[in-house]
């Protein structure tokens, strides 16, 4: 049983080191085995977003060392953005489509977290090389 736990930890650690490689591997595998190619791409983005939430949080906590976990800030940002998008949908359409709103916020989160990952990666590399 311990071997299985170690294997899952190792796989998650490898996926977290370079999420963009994980994205392409997931896309290739899901695209190959799923009949609906659009659904395969969506599922790949969804899985990578979840991975990026934890990776960006860990990178931010390592580089910046804030008083509280960045994971809570990311989750709060998702929640506030979801509320704002739901309010905007209510104003425009008179009702909220929760699934559509969640999907839009999750995809925007993918883009924002990808950008944050790249920025934090460059900052981390800069800190490593310019450490005095």
Protein backbone atom coordinates (compact mmCIF):
# COMPACT_ATOMS: atom_id res chain seq x y z
CA UNK A 1 0.00 0.00 0.00
CA UNK A 2 2.85 2.40 0.80
CA UNK A 3 4.25 1.76 -2.67
CA UNK A 4 0.98 2.90 -4.22
CA UNK A 5 0.92 6.07 -2.11
CA UNK A 6 4.53 6.82 -3.06
CA UNK A 7 3.74 6.22 -6.73
CA UNK A 8 0.80 8.64 -6.69
CA UNK A 9 2.91 11.26 -4.89
CA UNK A 10 5.70 10.82 -7.44
CA UNK A 11 3.30 11.14 -10.38
CA UNK A 12 1.73 14.30 -8.91
CA UNK A 13 5.17 15.77 -8.21
CA UNK A 14 6.33 15.12 -11.77
CA UNK A 15 3.11 16.61 -13.18
CA UNK A 16 3.48 19.66 -10.94
CA UNK A 17 7.07 20.41 -11.95
CA UNK A 18 6.17 21.31 -15.51
CA UNK A 19 2.38 21.66 -15.89
CA UNK A 20 2.58 22.54 -19.57
CA UNK A 21 4.21 19.23 -20.40
CA UNK A 22 1.47 17.57 -18.35
CA UNK A 23 -1.08 19.51 -20.40
CA UNK A 24 0.28 18.19 -23.68
CA UNK A 25 0.60 14.62 -22.40
CA UNK A 26 -2.98 14.69 -21.08
CA UNK A 27 -4.20 16.22 -24.33
CA UNK A 28 -2.48 13.56 -26.41
CA UNK A 29 -3.76 10.68 -24.27
CA UNK A 30 -7.34 11.97 -23.98
CA UNK A 31 -7.49 12.99 -27.63
CA UNK A 32 -6.39 9.51 -28.63
CA UNK A 33 -8.88 7.61 -26.49
CA UNK A 34 -11.95 9.88 -26.48
CA UNK A 35 -14.21 10.10 -29.50
CA UNK A 36 -15.25 13.72 -28.88
CA UNK A 37 -12.09 15.76 -29.50
CA UNK A 38 -13.61 19.01 -28.19
CA UNK A 39 -14.54 17.26 -24.93
CA UNK A 40 -10.97 15.88 -24.70
CA UNK A 41 -9.55 19.40 -24.98
CA UNK A 42 -11.98 20.75 -22.39
CA UNK A 43 -11.18 17.95 -19.95
CA UNK A 44 -7.46 18.55 -20.43
CA UNK A 45 -7.86 22.25 -19.63
CA UNK A 46 -10.00 21.44 -16.59
CA UNK A 47 -7.48 18.96 -15.19
CA UNK A 48 -4.55 21.29 -15.84
CA UNK A 49 -6.36 24.19 -14.16
CA UNK A 50 -6.82 22.13 -11.02
CA UNK A 51 -3.13 21.23 -11.10
CA UNK A 52 -2.17 24.87 -11.67
CA UNK A 53 -4.18 25.99 -8.62
CA UNK A 54 -1.96 23.89 -6.36
CA UNK A 55 1.30 24.52 -8.24
CA UNK A 56 0.92 28.31 -8.38
CA UNK A 57 -0.07 28.35 -4.71
CA UNK A 58 3.02 26.34 -3.75
CA UNK A 59 5.31 28.49 -5.92
CA UNK A 60 3.90 31.72 -4.48
CA UNK A 61 4.24 30.45 -0.92
CA UNK A 62 7.84 29.42 -1.60
CA UNK A 63 8.92 32.63 -3.32
CA UNK A 64 6.96 35.30 -1.43
CA UNK A 65 6.40 33.56 1.95
CA UNK A 66 3.14 35.32 2.88
CA UNK A 67 1.45 35.03 6.26
CA UNK A 68 -1.34 32.83 4.87
CA UNK A 69 -1.54 30.24 2.13
CA UNK A 70 -1.98 31.61 -1.39
CA UNK A 71 -4.38 28.72 -2.06
CA UNK A 72 -7.05 30.55 -0.05
CA UNK A 73 -6.45 33.72 -2.05
CA UNK A 74 -6.85 31.81 -5.33
CA UNK A 75 -10.06 30.16 -4.14
CA UNK A 76 -11.40 33.51 -2.91
CA UNK A 77 -10.58 35.10 -6.29
CA UNK A 78 -12.48 32.30 -8.07
CA UNK A 79 -15.45 32.81 -5.74
CA UNK A 80 -15.54 36.60 -6.18
CA UNK A 81 -15.16 36.31 -9.96
CA UNK A 82 -17.94 33.73 -10.03
CA UNK A 83 -20.19 36.10 -8.10
CA UNK A 84 -19.40 39.02 -10.40
CA UNK A 85 -20.01 36.92 -13.52
CA UNK A 86 -23.27 35.59 -12.06
CA UNK A 87 -24.41 39.13 -11.29
CA UNK A 88 -23.55 40.23 -14.81
CA UNK A 89 -25.48 37.29 -16.27
CA UNK A 90 -28.48 38.12 -14.09
CA UNK A 91 -28.44 41.73 -15.27
CA UNK A 92 -28.13 40.77 -18.94
CA UNK A 93 -30.31 37.63 -19.16
CA UNK A 94 -32.46 37.73 -16.04
CA UNK A 95 -31.16 34.37 -14.78
CA UNK A 96 -27.88 32.63 -14.06
CA UNK A 97 -26.65 29.58 -15.93
CA UNK A 98 -24.38 28.10 -13.25
CA UNK A 99 -22.68 25.58 -15.53
CA UNK A 100 -21.84 28.20 -18.17
CA UNK A 101 -20.65 30.66 -15.52
CA UNK A 102 -18.46 28.04 -13.85
CA UNK A 103 -16.99 26.96 -17.20
CA UNK A 104 -16.14 30.57 -18.15
CA UNK A 105 -14.53 31.32 -14.78
CA UNK A 106 -12.60 28.05 -14.84
CA UNK A 107 -11.21 28.81 -18.33
CA UNK A 108 -10.27 32.36 -17.35
CA UNK A 109 -8.61 30.82 -14.29
CA UNK A 110 -6.58 28.58 -16.61
CA UNK A 111 -5.26 31.59 -18.49
CA UNK A 112 -4.55 33.67 -15.37
CA UNK A 113 -2.90 30.78 -13.51
CA UNK A 114 -0.79 29.91 -16.56
CA UNK A 115 0.43 33.50 -16.70
CA UNK A 116 1.11 33.50 -12.93
CA UNK A 117 3.01 30.23 -13.29
CA UNK A 118 5.29 31.72 -15.94
CA UNK A 119 5.85 34.91 -13.91
CA UNK A 120 6.59 33.00 -10.70
CA UNK A 121 8.88 30.63 -12.57
CA UNK A 122 10.92 33.55 -13.91
CA UNK A 123 10.99 35.23 -10.48
CA UNK A 124 12.11 31.97 -8.88
CA UNK A 125 14.87 31.50 -11.44
CA UNK A 126 15.95 35.11 -10.91
CA UNK A 127 16.04 34.63 -7.14
CA UNK A 128 18.11 31.47 -7.55
CA UNK A 129 20.72 33.09 -9.80
CA UNK A 130 20.93 36.45 -8.03
CA UNK A 131 21.05 35.15 -4.48
CA UNK A 132 23.69 37.03 -2.55
